PDB file of N, CA and C in Angstrom:
ATOM      1  N   MET A   1     -26.013 -30.870 -12.214  1.00  0.00           N
ATOM      2  CA  MET A   1     -24.883 -31.099 -10.916  1.00  0.00           C
ATOM      3  C   MET A   1     -24.733 -30.079 -10.142  1.00  0.00           C
ATOM      4  N   ASP A   2     -24.622 -29.973  -8.638  1.00  0.00           N
ATOM      5  CA  ASP A   2     -24.391 -29.021  -7.796  1.00  0.00           C
ATOM      6  C   ASP A   2     -23.053 -28.624  -7.781  1.00  0.00           C
ATOM      7  N   TYR A   3     -22.502 -27.329  -8.292  1.00  0.00           N
ATOM      8  CA  TYR A   3     -21.310 -26.927  -8.357  1.00  0.00           C
ATOM      9  C   TYR A   3     -20.942 -26.382  -6.942  1.00  0.00           C
ATOM     10  N   SER A   4     -21.697 -26.117  -6.031  1.00  0.00           N
ATOM     11  CA  SER A   4     -21.431 -25.335  -4.909  1.00  0.00           C
ATOM     12  C   SER A   4     -20.612 -26.350  -3.839  1.00  0.00           C
ATOM     13  N   LYS A   5     -20.681 -27.362  -4.076  1.00  0.00           N
ATOM     14  CA  LYS A   5     -19.515 -28.342  -3.351  1.00  0.00           C
ATOM     15  C   LYS A   5     -18.524 -28.992  -4.136  1.00  0.00           C
ATOM     16  N   SER A   6     -18.027 -28.483  -5.205  1.00  0.00           N
ATOM     17  CA  SER A   6     -17.066 -28.971  -5.834  1.00  0.00           C
ATOM     18  C   SER A   6     -15.547 -28.534  -5.178  1.00  0.00           C
ATOM     19  N   GLY A   7     -15.378 -27.762  -4.512  1.00  0.00           N
ATOM     20  CA  GLY A   7     -14.296 -27.377  -4.110  1.00  0.00           C
ATOM     21  C   GLY A   7     -13.397 -26.441  -5.014  1.00  0.00           C
ATOM     22  N   ASN A   8     -14.032 -25.594  -5.261  1.00  0.00           N
ATOM     23  CA  ASN A   8     -13.287 -24.496  -6.161  1.00  0.00           C
ATOM     24  C   ASN A   8     -12.486 -23.858  -5.572  1.00  0.00           C
ATOM     25  N   ALA A   9     -11.658 -22.927  -6.138  1.00  0.00           N
ATOM     26  CA  ALA A   9     -10.570 -22.207  -5.554  1.00  0.00           C
ATOM     27  C   ALA A   9     -10.903 -21.101  -4.521  1.00  0.00           C
ATOM     28  N   LYS A  10     -10.467 -21.114  -3.454  1.00  0.00           N
ATOM     29  CA  LYS A  10     -10.578 -19.805  -2.390  1.00  0.00           C
ATOM     30  C   LYS A  10     -10.063 -18.629  -2.951  1.00  0.00           C
ATOM     31  N   MET A  11     -10.596 -17.505  -2.870  1.00  0.00           N
ATOM     32  CA  MET A  11     -10.230 -16.288  -3.008  1.00  0.00           C
ATOM     33  C   MET A  11      -8.967 -15.754  -2.220  1.00  0.00           C
ATOM     34  N   GLY A  12      -8.335 -15.117  -2.806  1.00  0.00           N
ATOM     35  CA  GLY A  12      -6.941 -14.644  -2.384  1.00  0.00           C
ATOM     36  C   GLY A  12      -7.288 -13.575  -1.132  1.00  0.00           C
ATOM     37  N   LYS A  13      -6.378 -13.377  -0.135  1.00  0.00           N
ATOM     38  CA  LYS A  13      -6.712 -12.620   0.755  1.00  0.00           C
ATOM     39  C   LYS A  13      -6.184 -11.322   0.579  1.00  0.00           C
ATOM     40  N   ASN A  14      -5.384 -10.968  -0.624  1.00  0.00           N
ATOM     41  CA  ASN A  14      -4.649  -9.754  -1.121  1.00  0.00           C
ATOM     42  C   ASN A  14      -3.493  -9.491   0.034  1.00  0.00           C
ATOM     43  N   LYS A  15      -2.867 -10.173   0.347  1.00  0.00           N
ATOM     44  CA  LYS A  15      -2.155  -9.836   1.735  1.00  0.00           C
ATOM     45  C   LYS A  15      -0.595 -10.306   1.041  1.00  0.00           C
ATOM     46  N   PRO A  16       0.490  -9.657   1.235  1.00  0.00           N
ATOM     47  CA  PRO A  16       1.772 -10.291   1.212  1.00  0.00           C
ATOM     48  C   PRO A  16       1.929 -11.295   2.006  1.00  0.00           C
ATOM     49  N   ARG A  17       3.013 -12.228   1.485  1.00  0.00           N
ATOM     50  CA  ARG A  17       3.429 -13.420   2.656  1.00  0.00           C
ATOM     51  C   ARG A  17       4.324 -12.539   3.585  1.00  0.00           C
ATOM     52  N   HIS A  18       5.447 -11.599   2.988  1.00  0.00           N
ATOM     53  CA  HIS A  18       5.902 -11.103   4.231  1.00  0.00           C
ATOM     54  C   HIS A  18       6.379  -9.635   3.803  1.00  0.00           C
ATOM     55  N   SER A  19       6.833  -8.492   4.724  1.00  0.00           N
ATOM     56  CA  SER A  19       6.869  -7.283   4.591  1.00  0.00           C
ATOM     57  C   SER A  19       8.324  -6.949   3.885  1.00  0.00           C
ATOM     58  N   GLU A  20       8.270  -6.057   2.885  1.00  0.00           N
ATOM     59  CA  GLU A  20       9.834  -5.838   2.193  1.00  0.00           C
ATOM     60  C   GLU A  20      10.649  -5.196   3.041  1.00  0.00           C
ATOM     61  N   HIS A  21      11.689  -5.301   2.982  1.00  0.00           N
ATOM     62  CA  HIS A  21      12.730  -4.522   3.704  1.00  0.00           C
ATOM     63  C   HIS A  21      12.882  -2.896   2.796  1.00  0.00           C
ATOM     64  N   ASN A  22      12.488  -2.548   2.116  1.00  0.00           N
ATOM     65  CA  ASN A  22      12.610  -1.317   1.573  1.00  0.00           C
ATOM     66  C   ASN A  22      10.994  -0.712   1.027  1.00  0.00           C
ATOM     67  N   ALA A  23      10.073  -1.284   1.849  1.00  0.00           N
ATOM     68  CA  ALA A  23       8.707  -0.621   1.234  1.00  0.00           C
ATOM     69  C   ALA A  23       8.558   0.489   1.833  1.00  0.00           C
ATOM     70  N   ARG A  24       7.513   1.156   0.906  1.00  0.00           N
ATOM     71  CA  ARG A  24       7.522   2.411   0.884  1.00  0.00           C
ATOM     72  C   ARG A  24       6.653   2.910   2.018  1.00  0.00           C
ATOM     73  N   GLY A  25       6.738   3.994   3.009  1.00  0.00           N
ATOM     74  CA  GLY A  25       6.209   4.310   3.861  1.00  0.00           C
ATOM     75  C   GLY A  25       6.452   3.845   5.160  1.00  0.00           C
ATOM     76  N   THR A  26       7.782   3.418   5.652  1.00  0.00           N
ATOM     77  CA  THR A  26       8.368   3.137   6.273  1.00  0.00           C
ATOM     78  C   THR A  26       9.404   3.801   6.899  1.00  0.00           C
ATOM     79  N   GLU A  27       9.781   3.640   8.043  1.00  0.00           N
ATOM     80  CA  GLU A  27      11.042   4.709   8.659  1.00  0.00           C
ATOM     81  C   GLU A  27      12.088   4.733   7.868  1.00  0.00           C
ATOM     82  N   LYS A  28      12.574   3.722   6.996  1.00  0.00           N
ATOM     83  CA  LYS A  28      13.732   3.835   6.100  1.00  0.00           C
ATOM     84  C   LYS A  28      13.219   4.840   5.023  1.00  0.00           C
ATOM     85  N   ASN A  29      12.359   4.462   4.233  1.00  0.00           N
ATOM     86  CA  ASN A  29      11.879   4.987   2.943  1.00  0.00           C
ATOM     87  C   ASN A  29      10.466   5.605   3.225  1.00  0.00           C
ATOM     88  N   PRO A  30      10.303   6.745   3.776  1.00  0.00           N
ATOM     89  CA  PRO A  30       9.244   7.430   3.860  1.00  0.00           C
ATOM     90  C   PRO A  30       8.478   7.812   2.614  1.00  0.00           C
ATOM     91  N   TYR A  31       7.077   8.002   2.372  1.00  0.00           N
ATOM     92  CA  TYR A  31       6.551   8.477   1.306  1.00  0.00           C
ATOM     93  C   TYR A  31       7.224   9.648   0.463  1.00  0.00           C
ATOM     94  N   ALA A  32       7.322  10.584   1.672  1.00  0.00           N
ATOM     95  CA  ALA A  32       7.512  11.998   0.737  1.00  0.00           C
ATOM     96  C   ALA A  32       8.918  12.357   0.239  1.00  0.00           C
ATOM     97  N   LYS A  33       9.842  11.263   0.661  1.00  0.00           N
ATOM     98  CA  LYS A  33      11.183  11.508   0.437  1.00  0.00           C
ATOM     99  C   LYS A  33      11.668  11.218  -0.879  1.00  0.00           C
ATOM    100  N   GLN A  34      12.056  12.479  -1.455  1.00  0.00           N
ATOM    101  CA  GLN A  34      12.457  12.224  -2.984  1.00  0.00           C
ATOM    102  C   GLN A  34      14.032  12.144  -3.095  1.00  0.00           C
ATOM    103  N   PRO A  35      14.767  11.091  -3.594  1.00  0.00           N
ATOM    104  CA  PRO A  35      16.078  11.135  -3.873  1.00  0.00           C
ATOM    105  C   PRO A  35      16.380  12.319  -4.777  1.00  0.00           C
ATOM    106  N   PRO A  36      17.662  13.097  -4.419  1.00  0.00           N
ATOM    107  CA  PRO A  36      18.163  14.352  -5.050  1.00  0.00           C
ATOM    108  C   PRO A  36      18.446  13.929  -6.792  1.00  0.00           C
ATOM    109  N   LYS A  37      18.745  14.702  -7.407  1.00  0.00           N
ATOM    110  CA  LYS A  37      18.723  14.434  -8.918  1.00  0.00           C
ATOM    111  C   LYS A  37      20.102  14.536  -9.195  1.00  0.00           C
ATOM    112  N   ALA A  38      21.158  15.245  -8.091  1.00  0.00           N
ATOM    113  CA  ALA A  38      22.478  14.824  -8.185  1.00  0.00           C
ATOM    114  C   ALA A  38      22.999  13.662  -8.303  1.00  0.00           C
ATOM    115  N   GLU A  39      22.430  13.077  -7.445  1.00  0.00           N
ATOM    116  CA  GLU A  39      22.467  11.644  -7.024  1.00  0.00           C
ATOM    117  C   GLU A  39      22.321  10.664  -8.018  1.00  0.00           C
ATOM    118  N   LEU A  40      21.356  10.860  -8.609  1.00  0.00           N
ATOM    119  CA  LEU A  40      20.887  10.054  -9.924  1.00  0.00           C
ATOM    120  C   LEU A  40      21.632  10.332 -11.084  1.00  0.00           C
ATOM    121  N   LEU A  41      21.985  11.663 -11.350  1.00  0.00           N
ATOM    122  CA  LEU A  41      23.039  11.854 -12.224  1.00  0.00           C
ATOM    123  C   LEU A  41      24.822  11.304 -12.311  1.00  0.00           C
ATOM    124  N   ALA A  42      24.870  11.317 -10.701  1.00  0.00           N
ATOM    125  CA  ALA A  42      26.245  10.865 -10.551  1.00  0.00           C
ATOM    126  C   ALA A  42      26.446   9.426 -10.928  1.00  0.00           C
ATOM    127  N   ARG A  43      25.251   8.761 -10.369  1.00  0.00           N
ATOM    128  CA  ARG A  43      24.968   6.966 -10.493  1.00  0.00           C
ATOM    129  C   ARG A  43      25.123   6.858 -12.044  1.00  0.00           C
ATOM    130  N   MET A  44      24.316   7.682 -12.871  1.00  0.00           N
ATOM    131  CA  MET A  44      24.412   7.250 -14.340  1.00  0.00           C
ATOM    132  C   MET A  44      25.455   7.417 -15.052  1.00  0.00           C
ATOM    133  N   LYS A  45      26.296   8.472 -14.415  1.00  0.00           N
ATOM    134  CA  LYS A  45      27.618   8.700 -14.897  1.00  0.00           C
ATOM    135  C   LYS A  45      28.610   7.692 -14.791  1.00  0.00           C
ATOM    136  N   ALA A  46      28.435   7.257 -13.400  1.00  0.00           N
ATOM    137  CA  ALA A  46      29.581   6.189 -13.377  1.00  0.00           C
ATOM    138  C   ALA A  46      29.224   4.894 -14.080  1.00  0.00           C
ATOM    139  N   ALA A  47      27.635   4.742 -14.250  1.00  0.00           N
ATOM    140  CA  ALA A  47      27.565   3.534 -15.158  1.00  0.00           C
ATOM    141  C   ALA A  47      27.753   3.754 -16.671  1.00  0.00           C
ATOM    142  N   ALA A  48      27.514   4.953 -16.988  1.00  0.00           N
ATOM    143  CA  ALA A  48      28.152   5.011 -18.322  1.00  0.00           C
ATOM    144  C   ALA A  48      29.723   5.052 -18.360  1.00  0.00           C
ATOM    145  N   GLU A  49      30.439   5.310 -17.521  1.00  0.00           N
ATOM    146  CA  GLU A  49      32.064   5.372 -17.704  1.00  0.00           C
ATOM    147  C   GLU A  49      32.181   3.697 -17.704  1.00  0.00           C
ATOM    148  N   LYS A  50      31.673   3.113 -16.677  1.00  0.00           N
ATOM    149  CA  LYS A  50      32.055   1.664 -16.600  1.00  0.00           C
ATOM    150  C   LYS A  50      31.541   0.890 -17.865  1.00  0.00           C
ATOM    151  N   ALA A  51      30.385   1.355 -18.471  1.00  0.00           N
ATOM    152  CA  ALA A  51      30.050   0.615 -19.733  1.00  0.00           C
ATOM    153  C   ALA A  51      31.185   0.870 -20.879  1.00  0.00           C
ATOM    154  N   LYS A  52      31.804   2.017 -20.607  1.00  0.00           N
ATOM    155  CA  LYS A  52      32.738   2.497 -21.642  1.00  0.00           C
ATOM    156  C   LYS A  52      33.915   1.685 -21.584  1.00  0.00           C
ATOM    157  N   LYS A  53      34.550   1.290 -20.487  1.00  0.00           N
ATOM    158  CA  LYS A  53      35.531   0.719 -20.148  1.00  0.00           C
ATOM    159  C   LYS A  53      35.470  -0.719 -20.799  1.00  0.00           C
ATOM    160  N   ASP A  54      34.351  -1.436 -20.571  1.00  0.00           N
ATOM    161  CA  ASP A  54      34.185  -2.753 -21.071  1.00  0.00           C
ATOM    162  C   ASP A  54      34.037  -2.933 -22.330  1.00  0.00           C
TER     163      ASP A  54
END
């Protein structure tokens, strides 16, 4: 049987369908930008307080 003409699956193009709004390396989210630790700790503490109340 000749499998070359059987219509097997095409290889993917390895390209996303759309660009993400928060993609790395864009103007809004540059590669070298590291969020400050204090901001992370504040978010974690707020989440812990919220979990305590519930």
